[in-house]
Protein backbone atom coordinates (compact mmCIF):
# COMPACT_ATOMS: atom_id res chain seq x y z
CA UNK A 1 13.80 5.60 -15.75
CA UNK A 2 14.99 8.54 -13.74
CA UNK A 3 12.64 8.96 -10.78
CA UNK A 4 14.29 10.70 -7.86
CA UNK A 5 13.03 10.44 -4.27
CA UNK A 6 13.07 13.79 -2.46
CA UNK A 7 12.11 14.68 1.10
CA UNK A 8 9.04 16.97 1.08
CA UNK A 9 8.81 19.04 4.27
CA UNK A 10 5.48 20.33 5.55
CA UNK A 11 5.37 23.65 7.40
CA UNK A 12 2.82 25.76 9.23
CA UNK A 13 3.48 29.10 7.53
CA UNK A 14 7.25 29.35 7.36
CA UNK A 15 8.03 27.23 4.28
CA UNK A 16 9.40 30.21 2.32
CA UNK A 17 11.84 31.14 5.12
CA UNK A 18 12.91 27.50 5.47
CA UNK A 19 13.48 27.16 1.72
CA UNK A 20 15.58 30.33 1.64
CA UNK A 21 17.58 29.07 4.63
CA UNK A 22 18.25 25.70 2.95
CA UNK A 23 19.20 27.42 -0.32
CA UNK A 24 21.83 29.43 1.56
CA UNK A 25 23.03 26.46 3.58
CA UNK A 26 23.38 24.11 0.59
CA UNK A 27 24.33 26.60 -2.12
CA UNK A 28 21.19 26.12 -4.19
CA UNK A 29 18.36 28.23 -5.48
CA UNK A 30 14.94 28.52 -3.93
CA UNK A 31 11.74 28.20 -5.98
CA UNK A 32 8.33 28.88 -4.41
CA UNK A 33 4.78 29.40 -5.66
CA UNK A 34 1.86 30.50 -3.50
CA UNK A 35 -1.73 29.31 -3.23
CA UNK A 36 -2.74 32.70 -4.66
CA UNK A 37 -0.59 32.17 -7.76
CA UNK A 38 -2.55 28.98 -8.44
CA UNK A 39 -6.00 30.49 -8.06
CA UNK A 40 -6.86 30.83 -4.38
CA UNK A 41 -9.08 33.91 -4.12
CA UNK A 42 -7.42 37.04 -2.77
CA UNK A 43 -8.15 37.84 0.84
CA UNK A 44 -8.18 34.26 2.13
CA UNK A 45 -5.73 33.55 4.98
CA UNK A 46 -3.35 31.24 3.06
CA UNK A 47 -3.16 33.13 -0.25
CA UNK A 48 0.45 34.18 0.35
CA UNK A 49 1.59 30.80 1.73
CA UNK A 50 3.72 28.34 -0.26
CA UNK A 51 1.81 25.57 -2.05
CA UNK A 52 4.84 24.34 -4.01
CA UNK A 53 8.45 25.07 -3.22
CA UNK A 54 11.86 23.51 -3.49
CA UNK A 55 15.57 24.07 -3.31
CA UNK A 56 17.89 22.61 -5.93
CA UNK A 57 21.68 22.83 -5.50
CA UNK A 58 24.29 22.20 -8.22
CA UNK A 59 25.58 19.13 -6.34
CA UNK A 60 22.16 17.46 -6.54
CA UNK A 61 20.81 18.38 -3.10
CA UNK A 62 17.04 18.83 -3.40
CA UNK A 63 14.34 19.42 -0.79
CA UNK A 64 10.68 20.27 -1.40
CA UNK A 65 8.31 22.08 0.96
CA UNK A 66 4.89 23.65 1.36
CA UNK A 67 2.69 25.31 3.97
CA UNK A 68 -0.13 23.03 5.10
CA UNK A 69 -3.29 25.04 4.35
CA UNK A 70 -5.35 26.42 7.22
CA UNK A 71 -3.09 25.20 9.98
CA UNK A 72 -1.50 28.24 11.60
CA UNK A 73 1.86 27.90 13.35
CA UNK A 74 3.56 24.85 14.82
CA UNK A 75 5.24 21.64 13.70
CA UNK A 76 3.50 18.99 11.63
CA UNK A 77 3.41 15.33 12.79
CA UNK A 78 0.96 12.42 11.96
CA UNK A 79 -1.80 11.71 9.38
CA UNK A 80 -2.92 12.99 5.98
CA UNK A 81 -6.44 13.54 4.61
CA UNK A 82 -8.46 15.67 2.18
CA UNK A 83 -10.71 18.41 3.47
CA UNK A 84 -12.69 20.86 1.32
CA UNK A 85 -10.46 20.30 -1.71
CA UNK A 86 -7.13 20.80 0.08
CA UNK A 87 -4.61 18.33 1.43
CA UNK A 88 -4.39 18.67 5.19
CA UNK A 89 -1.65 16.86 7.09
CA UNK A 90 -0.11 16.67 10.48
CA UNK A 91 2.92 14.79 9.13
CA UNK A 92 6.20 16.67 9.16
CA UNK A 93 7.31 15.21 5.82
CA UNK A 94 6.34 13.23 2.70
CA UNK A 95 8.58 11.43 0.27
CA UNK A 96 8.24 13.20 -3.07
CA UNK A 97 8.97 11.14 -6.15
CA UNK A 98 10.02 13.43 -8.99
CA UNK A 99 9.62 11.83 -12.40
CA UNK A 100 10.44 13.13 -15.88
CA UNK A 101 7.18 11.95 -17.49
CA UNK A 102 3.62 11.15 -16.51
CA UNK A 103 4.11 7.57 -17.76
CA UNK A 104 7.05 7.13 -15.40
CA UNK A 105 5.10 8.54 -12.44
CA UNK A 106 2.09 6.37 -13.32
CA UNK A 107 4.25 3.23 -13.26
CA UNK A 108 5.51 3.96 -9.76
CA UNK A 109 2.02 4.95 -8.63
CA UNK A 110 0.68 1.58 -9.80
CA UNK A 111 3.47 -0.23 -7.96
CA UNK A 112 2.75 1.55 -4.66
CA UNK A 113 -1.05 1.76 -4.71
CA UNK A 114 -1.77 -1.83 -3.60
CA UNK A 115 -3.42 -1.41 -0.19
CA UNK A 116 -2.79 2.34 -0.28
CA UNK A 117 -5.10 5.23 0.56
CA UNK A 118 -5.28 7.79 -2.24
CA UNK A 119 -4.97 11.30 -0.82
CA UNK A 120 -4.87 13.13 -4.17
CA UNK A 121 -5.40 11.22 -7.45
CA UNK A 122 -2.51 11.34 -9.92
CA UNK A 123 -3.51 13.94 -12.54
CA UNK A 124 -2.40 17.19 -14.14
CA UNK A 125 -2.15 20.15 -11.75
CA UNK A 126 -1.52 23.87 -12.07
CA UNK A 127 2.25 23.30 -11.68
CA UNK A 128 2.79 19.83 -13.13
CA UNK A 129 1.77 17.45 -15.91
CA UNK A 130 1.20 14.97 -13.10
CA UNK A 131 0.73 15.36 -9.38
CA UNK A 132 -0.77 12.98 -6.82
CA UNK A 133 -0.44 11.68 -3.30
CA UNK A 134 -1.05 8.34 -1.65
CA UNK A 135 -0.31 6.82 1.72
CA UNK A 136 1.02 3.31 1.21
CA UNK A 137 -0.02 0.28 3.24
CA UNK A 138 2.89 0.96 5.62
CA UNK A 139 1.71 4.51 6.43
CA UNK A 140 4.29 6.35 4.29
CA UNK A 141 2.86 9.25 2.27
CA UNK A 142 4.26 9.58 -1.25
CA UNK A 143 3.85 12.72 -3.33
CA UNK A 144 4.25 12.15 -7.08
CA UNK A 145 5.38 15.05 -9.24
CA UNK A 146 6.24 15.27 -12.94
CA UNK A 147 9.03 17.85 -12.89
CA UNK A 148 8.57 20.92 -15.08
CA UNK A 149 11.67 22.63 -16.50
CA UNK A 150 11.34 25.69 -14.23
CA UNK A 151 11.30 23.44 -11.14
CA UNK A 152 14.70 21.87 -11.77
């Protein structure tokens, strides 16, 4: 297996700037997709915000980030829940678990879901063959992601 834990930072509108900053600082490349690119109707406030982004550097440094939908400016710190079909959080970070296959991600999901609260069921998404989120029984939120070639 080759699952890799990655810190997933949650921002209030400045994820793209943070990703570009980290790409410069760590010598990597920035990758970001917006809510609009994945189907949010034009004209809504978060259409241009980052729903999926990351920096990958040649030495292996990786960080993921997104803009928490509908939150405005300010730091994130605290709990995670679903509201109107979007993941809303006041936590400043998740642990993202990048896996090569859905089977691999499913195995880790099954190992962590005992006593967990499912935030987003593990299933195919617009950017991944598998994406899901759960908060484990210790209060740690895990984001599962099957890595597509253009994300690495």
